[in-house]
All heavy atoms as atom14 arrays in JSON, in Angstrom:
{
  "sequence": "TKDIALPSLFYVSTGLIIISSLTYFLAKKATQTNKKQLATIFLLAT",
  "atom14_mask": [
    [1, 1, 1, 1, 1, 1, 1, 0, 0, 0, 0, 0, 0, 0],
    [1, 1, 1, 1, 1, 1, 1, 1, 1, 0, 0, 0, 0, 0],
    [1, 1, 1, 1, 1, 1, 1, 1, 0, 0, 0, 0, 0, 0],
    [1, 1, 1, 1, 1, 1, 1, 1, 0, 0, 0, 0, 0, 0],
    [1, 1, 1, 1, 1, 0, 0, 0, 0, 0, 0, 0, 0, 0],
    [1, 1, 1, 1, 1, 1, 1, 1, 0, 0, 0, 0, 0, 0],
    [1, 1, 1, 1, 1, 1, 1, 0, 0, 0, 0, 0, 0, 0],
    [1, 1, 1, 1, 1, 1, 0, 0, 0, 0, 0, 0, 0, 0],
    [1, 1, 1, 1, 1, 1, 1, 1, 0, 0, 0, 0, 0, 0],
    [1, 1, 1, 1, 1, 1, 1, 1, 1, 1, 1, 0, 0, 0],
    [1, 1, 1, 1, 1, 1, 1, 1, 1, 1, 1, 1, 0, 0],
    [1, 1, 1, 1, 1, 1, 1, 0, 0, 0, 0, 0, 0, 0],
    [1, 1, 1, 1, 1, 1, 0, 0, 0, 0, 0, 0, 0, 0],
    [1, 1, 1, 1, 1, 1, 1, 0, 0, 0, 0, 0, 0, 0],
    [1, 1, 1, 1, 0, 0, 0, 0, 0, 0, 0, 0, 0, 0],
    [1, 1, 1, 1, 1, 1, 1, 1, 0, 0, 0, 0, 0, 0],
    [1, 1, 1, 1, 1, 1, 1, 1, 0, 0, 0, 0, 0, 0],
    [1, 1, 1, 1, 1, 1, 1, 1, 0, 0, 0, 0, 0, 0],
    [1, 1, 1, 1, 1, 1, 1, 1, 0, 0, 0, 0, 0, 0],
    [1, 1, 1, 1, 1, 1, 0, 0, 0, 0, 0, 0, 0, 0],
    [1, 1, 1, 1, 1, 1, 0, 0, 0, 0, 0, 0, 0, 0],
    [1, 1, 1, 1, 1, 1, 1, 1, 0, 0, 0, 0, 0, 0],
    [1, 1, 1, 1, 1, 1, 1, 0, 0, 0, 0, 0, 0, 0],
    [1, 1, 1, 1, 1, 1, 1, 1, 1, 1, 1, 1, 0, 0],
    [1, 1, 1, 1, 1, 1, 1, 1, 1, 1, 1, 0, 0, 0],
    [1, 1, 1, 1, 1, 1, 1, 1, 0, 0, 0, 0, 0, 0],
    [1, 1, 1, 1, 1, 0, 0, 0, 0, 0, 0, 0, 0, 0],
    [1, 1, 1, 1, 1, 1, 1, 1, 1, 0, 0, 0, 0, 0],
    [1, 1, 1, 1, 1, 1, 1, 1, 1, 0, 0, 0, 0, 0],
    [1, 1, 1, 1, 1, 0, 0, 0, 0, 0, 0, 0, 0, 0],
    [1, 1, 1, 1, 1, 1, 1, 0, 0, 0, 0, 0, 0, 0],
    [1, 1, 1, 1, 1, 1, 1, 1, 1, 0, 0, 0, 0, 0],
    [1, 1, 1, 1, 1, 1, 1, 0, 0, 0, 0, 0, 0, 0],
    [1, 1, 1, 1, 1, 1, 1, 1, 0, 0, 0, 0, 0, 0],
    [1, 1, 1, 1, 1, 1, 1, 1, 1, 0, 0, 0, 0, 0],
    [1, 1, 1, 1, 1, 1, 1, 1, 1, 0, 0, 0, 0, 0],
    [1, 1, 1, 1, 1, 1, 1, 1, 1, 0, 0, 0, 0, 0],
    [1, 1, 1, 1, 1, 1, 1, 1, 0, 0, 0, 0, 0, 0],
    [1, 1, 1, 1, 1, 0, 0, 0, 0, 0, 0, 0, 0, 0],
    [1, 1, 1, 1, 1, 1, 1, 0, 0, 0, 0, 0, 0, 0],
    [1, 1, 1, 1, 1, 1, 1, 1, 0, 0, 0, 0, 0, 0],
    [1, 1, 1, 1, 1, 1, 1, 1, 1, 1, 1, 0, 0, 0],
    [1, 1, 1, 1, 1, 1, 1, 1, 0, 0, 0, 0, 0, 0],
    [1, 1, 1, 1, 1, 1, 1, 1, 0, 0, 0, 0, 0, 0],
    [1, 1, 1, 1, 1, 0, 0, 0, 0, 0, 0, 0, 0, 0],
    [1, 1, 1, 1, 1, 1, 1, 0, 0, 0, 0, 0, 0, 0]
  ],
  "atom14_positions": [
    [[-33.72, 50.89, -57.83], [-32.72, 51.95, -57.84], [-31.57, 51.53, -58.75], [-30.84, 50.59, -58.45], [-32.19, 52.2, -56.41], [-33.29, 52.32, -55.52], [-31.34, 53.45, -56.36], [0.0, 0.0, 0.0], [0.0, 0.0, 0.0], [0.0, 0.0, 0.0], [0.0, 0.0, 0.0], [0.0, 0.0, 0.0], [0.0, 0.0, 0.0], [0.0, 0.0, 0.0]],
    [[-31.4, 52.24, -59.87], [-30.4, 51.84, -60.86], [-29.0, 52.38, -60.57], [-28.02, 51.84, -61.03], [-30.83, 52.32, -62.25], [-32.08, 51.61, -62.76], [-32.36, 52.0, -64.19], [-33.62, 51.37, -64.71], [-33.63, 49.97, -64.86], [0.0, 0.0, 0.0], [0.0, 0.0, 0.0], [0.0, 0.0, 0.0], [0.0, 0.0, 0.0], [0.0, 0.0, 0.0]],
    [[-28.88, 53.45, -59.81], [-27.59, 54.13, -59.68], [-26.79, 53.72, -58.44], [-25.87, 54.42, -58.05], [-27.8, 55.64, -59.69], [-28.69, 56.11, -58.54], [-29.35, 55.27, -57.9], [-28.71, 57.32, -58.26], [0.0, 0.0, 0.0], [0.0, 0.0, 0.0], [0.0, 0.0, 0.0], [0.0, 0.0, 0.0], [0.0, 0.0, 0.0], [0.0, 0.0, 0.0]],
    [[-27.08, 52.58, -57.87], [-26.34, 52.12, -56.7], [-25.11, 51.34, -57.17], [-25.22, 50.4, -57.96], [-27.21, 51.21, -55.81], [-28.41, 51.98, -55.28], [-26.38, 50.63, -54.67], [-29.4, 51.12, -54.52], [0.0, 0.0, 0.0], [0.0, 0.0, 0.0], [0.0, 0.0, 0.0], [0.0, 0.0, 0.0], [0.0, 0.0, 0.0], [0.0, 0.0, 0.0]],
    [[-23.95, 51.75, -56.68], [-22.7, 51.06, -57.04], [-22.42, 49.95, -56.03], [-22.72, 50.08, -54.84], [-21.54, 52.05, -57.06], [0.0, 0.0, 0.0], [0.0, 0.0, 0.0], [0.0, 0.0, 0.0], [0.0, 0.0, 0.0], [0.0, 0.0, 0.0], [0.0, 0.0, 0.0], [0.0, 0.0, 0.0], [0.0, 0.0, 0.0], [0.0, 0.0, 0.0]],
    [[-21.83, 48.87, -56.51], [-21.42, 47.79, -55.61], [-20.22, 48.24, -54.78], [-19.45, 49.11, -55.21], [-21.05, 46.55, -56.42], [-22.19, 45.87, -57.17], [-21.63, 44.73, -58.02], [-23.24, 45.35, -56.23], [0.0, 0.0, 0.0], [0.0, 0.0, 0.0], [0.0, 0.0, 0.0], [0.0, 0.0, 0.0], [0.0, 0.0, 0.0], [0.0, 0.0, 0.0]],
    [[-20.02, 47.65, -53.62], [-18.86, 48.0, -52.79], [-17.55, 47.71, -53.53], [-17.42, 46.68, -54.19], [-18.99, 47.11, -51.56], [-20.38, 46.57, -51.59], [-20.86, 46.63, -53.0], [0.0, 0.0, 0.0], [0.0, 0.0, 0.0], [0.0, 0.0, 0.0], [0.0, 0.0, 0.0], [0.0, 0.0, 0.0], [0.0, 0.0, 0.0], [0.0, 0.0, 0.0]],
    [[-16.59, 48.6, -53.39], [-15.3, 48.41, -54.06], [-14.6, 47.13, -53.58], [-13.88, 46.48, -54.36], [-14.4, 49.62, -53.81], [-14.18, 49.79, -52.41], [0.0, 0.0, 0.0], [0.0, 0.0, 0.0], [0.0, 0.0, 0.0], [0.0, 0.0, 0.0], [0.0, 0.0, 0.0], [0.0, 0.0, 0.0], [0.0, 0.0, 0.0], [0.0, 0.0, 0.0]],
    [[-14.84, 46.73, -52.34], [-14.19, 45.53, -51.83], [-14.69, 44.26, -52.51], [-14.01, 43.24, -52.5], [-14.35, 45.44, -50.31], [-13.54, 46.46, -49.53], [-13.84, 46.39, -48.04], [-12.05, 46.28, -49.77], [0.0, 0.0, 0.0], [0.0, 0.0, 0.0], [0.0, 0.0, 0.0], [0.0, 0.0, 0.0], [0.0, 0.0, 0.0], [0.0, 0.0, 0.0]],
    [[-15.88, 44.3, -53.11], [-16.36, 43.15, -53.88], [-15.44, 42.9, -55.07], [-15.18, 41.77, -55.44], [-17.8, 43.37, -54.37], [-18.86, 43.03, -53.36], [-18.58, 42.88, -52.0], [-20.17, 42.87, -53.77], [-19.58, 42.57, -51.08], [-21.18, 42.55, -52.86], [-20.88, 42.4, -51.52], [0.0, 0.0, 0.0], [0.0, 0.0, 0.0], [0.0, 0.0, 0.0]],
    [[-14.93, 43.97, -55.66], [-14.04, 43.82, -56.82], [-12.66, 43.32, -56.38], [-12.05, 42.51, -57.07], [-13.94, 45.14, -57.59], [-15.27, 45.56, -58.15], [-16.03, 46.54, -57.54], [-15.79, 44.93, -59.28], [-17.28, 46.91, -58.04], [-17.04, 45.29, -59.79], [-17.77, 46.28, -59.16], [-19.0, 46.62, -59.66], [0.0, 0.0, 0.0], [0.0, 0.0, 0.0]],
    [[-12.19, 43.79, -55.23], [-10.91, 43.31, -54.69], [-11.03, 41.82, -54.38], [-10.14, 41.02, -54.73], [-10.5, 44.11, -53.43], [-9.24, 43.52, -52.8], [-10.32, 45.59, -53.75], [0.0, 0.0, 0.0], [0.0, 0.0, 0.0], [0.0, 0.0, 0.0], [0.0, 0.0, 0.0], [0.0, 0.0, 0.0], [0.0, 0.0, 0.0], [0.0, 0.0, 0.0]],
    [[-12.12, 41.43, -53.75], [-12.31, 40.01, -53.42], [-12.42, 39.16, -54.67], [-12.03, 37.98, -54.67], [-13.52, 39.82, -52.5], [-14.72, 40.16, -53.16], [0.0, 0.0, 0.0], [0.0, 0.0, 0.0], [0.0, 0.0, 0.0], [0.0, 0.0, 0.0], [0.0, 0.0, 0.0], [0.0, 0.0, 0.0], [0.0, 0.0, 0.0], [0.0, 0.0, 0.0]],
    [[-12.93, 39.74, -55.75], [-13.01, 39.0, -57.03], [-11.61, 38.63, -57.5], [-11.36, 37.49, -57.92], [-13.73, 39.85, -58.1], [-15.04, 40.15, -57.63], [-13.82, 39.1, -59.42], [0.0, 0.0, 0.0], [0.0, 0.0, 0.0], [0.0, 0.0, 0.0], [0.0, 0.0, 0.0], [0.0, 0.0, 0.0], [0.0, 0.0, 0.0], [0.0, 0.0, 0.0]],
    [[-10.68, 39.57, -57.41], [-9.29, 39.28, -57.77], [-8.71, 38.17, -56.92], [-8.01, 37.28, -57.43], [0.0, 0.0, 0.0], [0.0, 0.0, 0.0], [0.0, 0.0, 0.0], [0.0, 0.0, 0.0], [0.0, 0.0, 0.0], [0.0, 0.0, 0.0], [0.0, 0.0, 0.0], [0.0, 0.0, 0.0], [0.0, 0.0, 0.0], [0.0, 0.0, 0.0]],
    [[-9.04, 38.19, -55.63], [-8.5, 37.16, -54.73], [-9.04, 35.77, -55.05], [-8.29, 34.78, -54.99], [-8.81, 37.51, -53.27], [-8.06, 38.7, -52.69], [-8.44, 38.91, -51.24], [-6.56, 38.54, -52.84], [0.0, 0.0, 0.0], [0.0, 0.0, 0.0], [0.0, 0.0, 0.0], [0.0, 0.0, 0.0], [0.0, 0.0, 0.0], [0.0, 0.0, 0.0]],
    [[-10.31, 35.69, -55.39], [-10.86, 34.36, -55.66], [-10.32, 33.81, -56.98], [-10.12, 32.6, -57.14], [-12.41, 34.31, -55.59], [-12.87, 32.88, -55.29], [-13.05, 34.85, -56.85], [-14.27, 32.75, -54.77], [0.0, 0.0, 0.0], [0.0, 0.0, 0.0], [0.0, 0.0, 0.0], [0.0, 0.0, 0.0], [0.0, 0.0, 0.0], [0.0, 0.0, 0.0]],
    [[-10.0, 34.71, -57.92], [-9.37, 34.28, -59.17], [-7.96, 33.75, -58.87], [-7.57, 32.69, -59.36], [-9.35, 35.42, -60.19], [-10.78, 35.72, -60.68], [-8.44, 35.08, -61.38], [-10.91, 37.0, -61.48], [0.0, 0.0, 0.0], [0.0, 0.0, 0.0], [0.0, 0.0, 0.0], [0.0, 0.0, 0.0], [0.0, 0.0, 0.0], [0.0, 0.0, 0.0]],
    [[-7.2, 34.48, -58.06], [-5.85, 34.04, -57.69], [-5.91, 32.71, -56.94], [-5.08, 31.81, -57.14], [-5.13, 35.12, -56.87], [-4.87, 36.36, -57.74], [-3.81, 34.59, -56.31], [-4.45, 37.58, -56.95], [0.0, 0.0, 0.0], [0.0, 0.0, 0.0], [0.0, 0.0, 0.0], [0.0, 0.0, 0.0], [0.0, 0.0, 0.0], [0.0, 0.0, 0.0]],
    [[-6.93, 32.55, -56.07], [-7.05, 31.31, -55.3], [-7.33, 30.11, -56.21], [-6.9, 28.99, -55.91], [-8.12, 31.44, -54.22], [-9.43, 31.4, -54.77], [0.0, 0.0, 0.0], [0.0, 0.0, 0.0], [0.0, 0.0, 0.0], [0.0, 0.0, 0.0], [0.0, 0.0, 0.0], [0.0, 0.0, 0.0], [0.0, 0.0, 0.0], [0.0, 0.0, 0.0]],
    [[-8.03, 30.33, -57.31], [-8.22, 29.24, -58.28], [-6.89, 28.83, -58.88], [-6.63, 27.64, -59.09], [-9.18, 29.68, -59.39], [-10.48, 29.22, -59.15], [0.0, 0.0, 0.0], [0.0, 0.0, 0.0], [0.0, 0.0, 0.0], [0.0, 0.0, 0.0], [0.0, 0.0, 0.0], [0.0, 0.0, 0.0], [0.0, 0.0, 0.0], [0.0, 0.0, 0.0]],
    [[-6.05, 29.82, -59.15], [-4.73, 29.53, -59.69], [-3.89, 28.74, -58.68], [-3.23, 27.76, -59.05], [-4.01, 30.83, -60.07], [-2.58, 30.67, -60.56], [-2.53, 29.86, -61.85], [-1.94, 32.03, -60.76], [0.0, 0.0, 0.0], [0.0, 0.0, 0.0], [0.0, 0.0, 0.0], [0.0, 0.0, 0.0], [0.0, 0.0, 0.0], [0.0, 0.0, 0.0]],
    [[-3.92, 29.13, -57.41], [-3.12, 28.41, -56.41], [-3.62, 26.98, -56.22], [-2.82, 26.06, -56.02], [-3.07, 29.15, -55.06], [-4.4, 29.35, -54.56], [-2.35, 30.49, -55.2], [0.0, 0.0, 0.0], [0.0, 0.0, 0.0], [0.0, 0.0, 0.0], [0.0, 0.0, 0.0], [0.0, 0.0, 0.0], [0.0, 0.0, 0.0], [0.0, 0.0, 0.0]],
    [[-4.94, 26.77, -56.3], [-5.48, 25.4, -56.19], [-5.02, 24.57, -57.39], [-4.62, 23.41, -57.25], [-7.01, 25.44, -56.12], [-7.63, 24.41, -55.21], [-8.74, 24.74, -54.44], [-7.16, 23.1, -55.13], [-9.34, 23.8, -53.61], [-7.76, 22.15, -54.3], [-8.85, 22.52, -53.55], [-9.45, 21.58, -52.73], [0.0, 0.0, 0.0], [0.0, 0.0, 0.0]],
    [[-5.08, 25.18, -58.58], [-4.61, 24.5, -59.79], [-3.14, 24.11, -59.65], [-2.73, 23.0, -60.0], [-4.82, 25.43, -61.0], [-4.15, 24.95, -62.26], [-4.72, 23.95, -63.02], [-2.95, 25.51, -62.68], [-4.1, 23.5, -64.19], [-2.32, 25.07, -63.83], [-2.89, 24.07, -64.59], [0.0, 0.0, 0.0], [0.0, 0.0, 0.0], [0.0, 0.0, 0.0]],
    [[-2.33, 25.04, -59.14], [-0.9, 24.78, -58.97], [-0.66, 23.68, -57.93], [0.29, 22.89, -58.05], [-0.17, 26.06, -58.6], [-0.1, 27.11, -59.72], [0.48, 28.42, -59.19], [0.67, 26.6, -60.93], [0.0, 0.0, 0.0], [0.0, 0.0, 0.0], [0.0, 0.0, 0.0], [0.0, 0.0, 0.0], [0.0, 0.0, 0.0], [0.0, 0.0, 0.0]],
    [[-1.52, 23.62, -56.91], [-1.41, 22.55, -55.9], [-1.63, 21.19, -56.56], [-0.91, 20.22, -56.28], [-2.41, 22.78, -54.78], [0.0, 0.0, 0.0], [0.0, 0.0, 0.0], [0.0, 0.0, 0.0], [0.0, 0.0, 0.0], [0.0, 0.0, 0.0], [0.0, 0.0, 0.0], [0.0, 0.0, 0.0], [0.0, 0.0, 0.0], [0.0, 0.0, 0.0]],
    [[-2.62, 21.12, -57.43], [-2.89, 19.85, -58.11], [-1.72, 19.49, -59.03], [-1.28, 18.33, -59.06], [-4.18, 19.94, -58.92], [-4.52, 18.65, -59.65], [-5.87, 18.8, -60.31], [-5.95, 17.98, -61.56], [-7.17, 18.23, -62.31], [0.0, 0.0, 0.0], [0.0, 0.0, 0.0], [0.0, 0.0, 0.0], [0.0, 0.0, 0.0], [0.0, 0.0, 0.0]],
    [[-1.2, 20.47, -59.77], [-0.06, 20.21, -60.66], [1.15, 19.73, -59.85], [1.86, 18.82, -60.28], [0.29, 21.45, -61.47], [-0.69, 21.76, -62.57], [-0.71, 20.64, -63.57], [-1.8, 20.8, -64.59], [-2.11, 19.58, -65.31], [0.0, 0.0, 0.0], [0.0, 0.0, 0.0], [0.0, 0.0, 0.0], [0.0, 0.0, 0.0], [0.0, 0.0, 0.0]],
    [[1.39, 20.35, -58.7], [2.51, 19.93, -57.85], [2.3, 18.5, -57.35], [3.25, 17.7, -57.28], [2.68, 20.9, -56.68], [0.0, 0.0, 0.0], [0.0, 0.0, 0.0], [0.0, 0.0, 0.0], [0.0, 0.0, 0.0], [0.0, 0.0, 0.0], [0.0, 0.0, 0.0], [0.0, 0.0, 0.0], [0.0, 0.0, 0.0], [0.0, 0.0, 0.0]],
    [[1.07, 18.15, -57.01], [0.77, 16.79, -56.57], [1.01, 15.79, -57.69], [1.55, 14.71, -57.45], [-0.69, 16.71, -56.07], [-0.85, 17.59, -54.96], [-1.06, 15.29, -55.64], [0.0, 0.0, 0.0], [0.0, 0.0, 0.0], [0.0, 0.0, 0.0], [0.0, 0.0, 0.0], [0.0, 0.0, 0.0], [0.0, 0.0, 0.0], [0.0, 0.0, 0.0]],
    [[0.62, 16.15, -58.89], [0.79, 15.25, -60.03], [2.26, 14.98, -60.33], [2.58, 13.99, -60.97], [0.1, 15.82, -61.27], [-1.41, 15.8, -61.15], [-2.1, 16.52, -62.29], [-1.65, 17.57, -62.74], [-3.2, 15.96, -62.75], [0.0, 0.0, 0.0], [0.0, 0.0, 0.0], [0.0, 0.0, 0.0], [0.0, 0.0, 0.0], [0.0, 0.0, 0.0]],
    [[3.14, 15.87, -59.88], [4.59, 15.67, -60.1], [5.3, 15.3, -58.8], [6.52, 15.42, -58.7], [5.22, 16.94, -60.72], [4.96, 18.06, -59.87], [4.68, 17.21, -62.11], [0.0, 0.0, 0.0], [0.0, 0.0, 0.0], [0.0, 0.0, 0.0], [0.0, 0.0, 0.0], [0.0, 0.0, 0.0], [0.0, 0.0, 0.0], [0.0, 0.0, 0.0]],
    [[4.5, 14.87, -57.8], [5.02, 14.43, -56.5], [5.83, 15.49, -55.76], [6.77, 15.15, -55.02], [5.82, 13.13, -56.64], [4.91, 11.93, -56.78], [3.85, 11.87, -56.15], [5.31, 11.0, -57.61], [0.0, 0.0, 0.0], [0.0, 0.0, 0.0], [0.0, 0.0, 0.0], [0.0, 0.0, 0.0], [0.0, 0.0, 0.0], [0.0, 0.0, 0.0]],
    [[5.49, 16.75, -55.93], [6.11, 17.84, -55.18], [5.19, 18.17, -54.01], [4.46, 19.16, -54.03], [6.35, 19.05, -56.08], [7.34, 18.75, -57.19], [7.49, 19.93, -58.11], [8.45, 19.56, -59.24], [8.34, 20.51, -60.35], [0.0, 0.0, 0.0], [0.0, 0.0, 0.0], [0.0, 0.0, 0.0], [0.0, 0.0, 0.0], [0.0, 0.0, 0.0]],
    [[5.2, 17.3, -53.01], [4.23, 17.37, -51.92], [4.33, 18.66, -51.11], [3.32, 19.25, -50.75], [4.38, 16.15, -51.01], [4.01, 14.87, -51.73], [4.12, 13.66, -50.85], [3.88, 12.44, -51.69], [3.09, 11.45, -51.09], [0.0, 0.0, 0.0], [0.0, 0.0, 0.0], [0.0, 0.0, 0.0], [0.0, 0.0, 0.0], [0.0, 0.0, 0.0]],
    [[5.54, 19.09, -50.81], [5.7, 20.3, -50.01], [5.16, 21.52, -50.77], [4.48, 22.36, -50.2], [7.16, 20.51, -49.64], [7.36, 21.67, -48.68], [8.81, 21.78, -48.22], [9.71, 21.16, -48.78], [9.03, 22.58, -47.2], [0.0, 0.0, 0.0], [0.0, 0.0, 0.0], [0.0, 0.0, 0.0], [0.0, 0.0, 0.0], [0.0, 0.0, 0.0]],
    [[5.45, 21.59, -52.06], [4.95, 22.69, -52.87], [3.42, 22.66, -52.95], [2.76, 23.69, -52.85], [5.57, 22.63, -54.27], [5.29, 23.8, -55.2], [5.78, 25.12, -54.6], [5.94, 23.55, -56.56], [0.0, 0.0, 0.0], [0.0, 0.0, 0.0], [0.0, 0.0, 0.0], [0.0, 0.0, 0.0], [0.0, 0.0, 0.0], [0.0, 0.0, 0.0]],
    [[2.87, 21.46, -53.1], [1.41, 21.31, -53.13], [0.79, 21.8, -51.82], [-0.24, 22.5, -51.84], [1.03, 19.85, -53.38], [0.0, 0.0, 0.0], [0.0, 0.0, 0.0], [0.0, 0.0, 0.0], [0.0, 0.0, 0.0], [0.0, 0.0, 0.0], [0.0, 0.0, 0.0], [0.0, 0.0, 0.0], [0.0, 0.0, 0.0], [0.0, 0.0, 0.0]],
    [[1.41, 21.48, -50.71], [0.9, 21.93, -49.4], [0.94, 23.45, -49.31], [-0.02, 24.07, -48.83], [1.73, 21.3, -48.26], [1.66, 19.87, -48.38], [1.22, 21.73, -46.9], [0.0, 0.0, 0.0], [0.0, 0.0, 0.0], [0.0, 0.0, 0.0], [0.0, 0.0, 0.0], [0.0, 0.0, 0.0], [0.0, 0.0, 0.0], [0.0, 0.0, 0.0]],
    [[2.02, 24.05, -49.78], [2.14, 25.52, -49.75], [1.02, 26.15, -50.59], [0.38, 27.11, -50.15], [3.53, 25.97, -50.24], [4.59, 25.58, -49.21], [3.57, 27.47, -50.53], [6.02, 25.7, -49.7], [0.0, 0.0, 0.0], [0.0, 0.0, 0.0], [0.0, 0.0, 0.0], [0.0, 0.0, 0.0], [0.0, 0.0, 0.0], [0.0, 0.0, 0.0]],
    [[0.77, 25.61, -51.78], [-0.29, 26.16, -52.62], [-1.67, 25.95, -52.0], [-2.55, 26.82, -52.11], [-0.23, 25.56, -54.03], [0.86, 26.15, -54.89], [1.75, 25.32, -55.56], [0.99, 27.52, -55.04], [2.75, 25.85, -56.36], [1.99, 28.07, -55.84], [2.87, 27.23, -56.51], [0.0, 0.0, 0.0], [0.0, 0.0, 0.0], [0.0, 0.0, 0.0]],
    [[-1.89, 24.82, -51.35], [-3.18, 24.59, -50.67], [-3.36, 25.58, -49.52], [-4.46, 26.11, -49.33], [-3.28, 23.15, -50.18], [-3.48, 22.08, -51.26], [-3.36, 20.69, -50.66], [-4.82, 22.26, -51.96], [0.0, 0.0, 0.0], [0.0, 0.0, 0.0], [0.0, 0.0, 0.0], [0.0, 0.0, 0.0], [0.0, 0.0, 0.0], [0.0, 0.0, 0.0]],
    [[-2.31, 25.8, -48.75], [-2.38, 26.79, -47.66], [-2.65, 28.19, -48.21], [-3.44, 28.95, -47.64], [-1.1, 26.78, -46.84], [-0.92, 25.59, -45.9], [0.5, 25.54, -45.34], [-1.95, 25.62, -44.78], [0.0, 0.0, 0.0], [0.0, 0.0, 0.0], [0.0, 0.0, 0.0], [0.0, 0.0, 0.0], [0.0, 0.0, 0.0], [0.0, 0.0, 0.0]],
    [[-2.01, 28.53, -49.33], [-2.25, 29.84, -49.96], [-3.7, 29.96, -50.39], [-4.33, 31.01, -50.2], [-1.31, 30.03, -51.14], [0.0, 0.0, 0.0], [0.0, 0.0, 0.0], [0.0, 0.0, 0.0], [0.0, 0.0, 0.0], [0.0, 0.0, 0.0], [0.0, 0.0, 0.0], [0.0, 0.0, 0.0], [0.0, 0.0, 0.0], [0.0, 0.0, 0.0]],
    [[-4.24, 28.88, -50.94], [-5.65, 28.88, -51.36], [-6.56, 29.1, -50.15], [-7.53, 29.87, -50.22], [-6.01, 27.55, -52.06], [-5.09, 27.32, -53.12], [-7.43, 27.58, -52.6], [0.0, 0.0, 0.0], [0.0, 0.0, 0.0], [0.0, 0.0, 0.0], [0.0, 0.0, 0.0], [0.0, 0.0, 0.0], [0.0, 0.0, 0.0], [0.0, 0.0, 0.0]]
  ]
}
């Protein structure tokens, strides 16, 4: 069946997983600069 559309929520979740990659990246950057509290916040956001 070629005309079946994917659920719209799959696209919303795609945006979230992209944002979560950014927050994980920011957590690592914060750790590299010894900003532990900021790193924890970004990890929790992820």
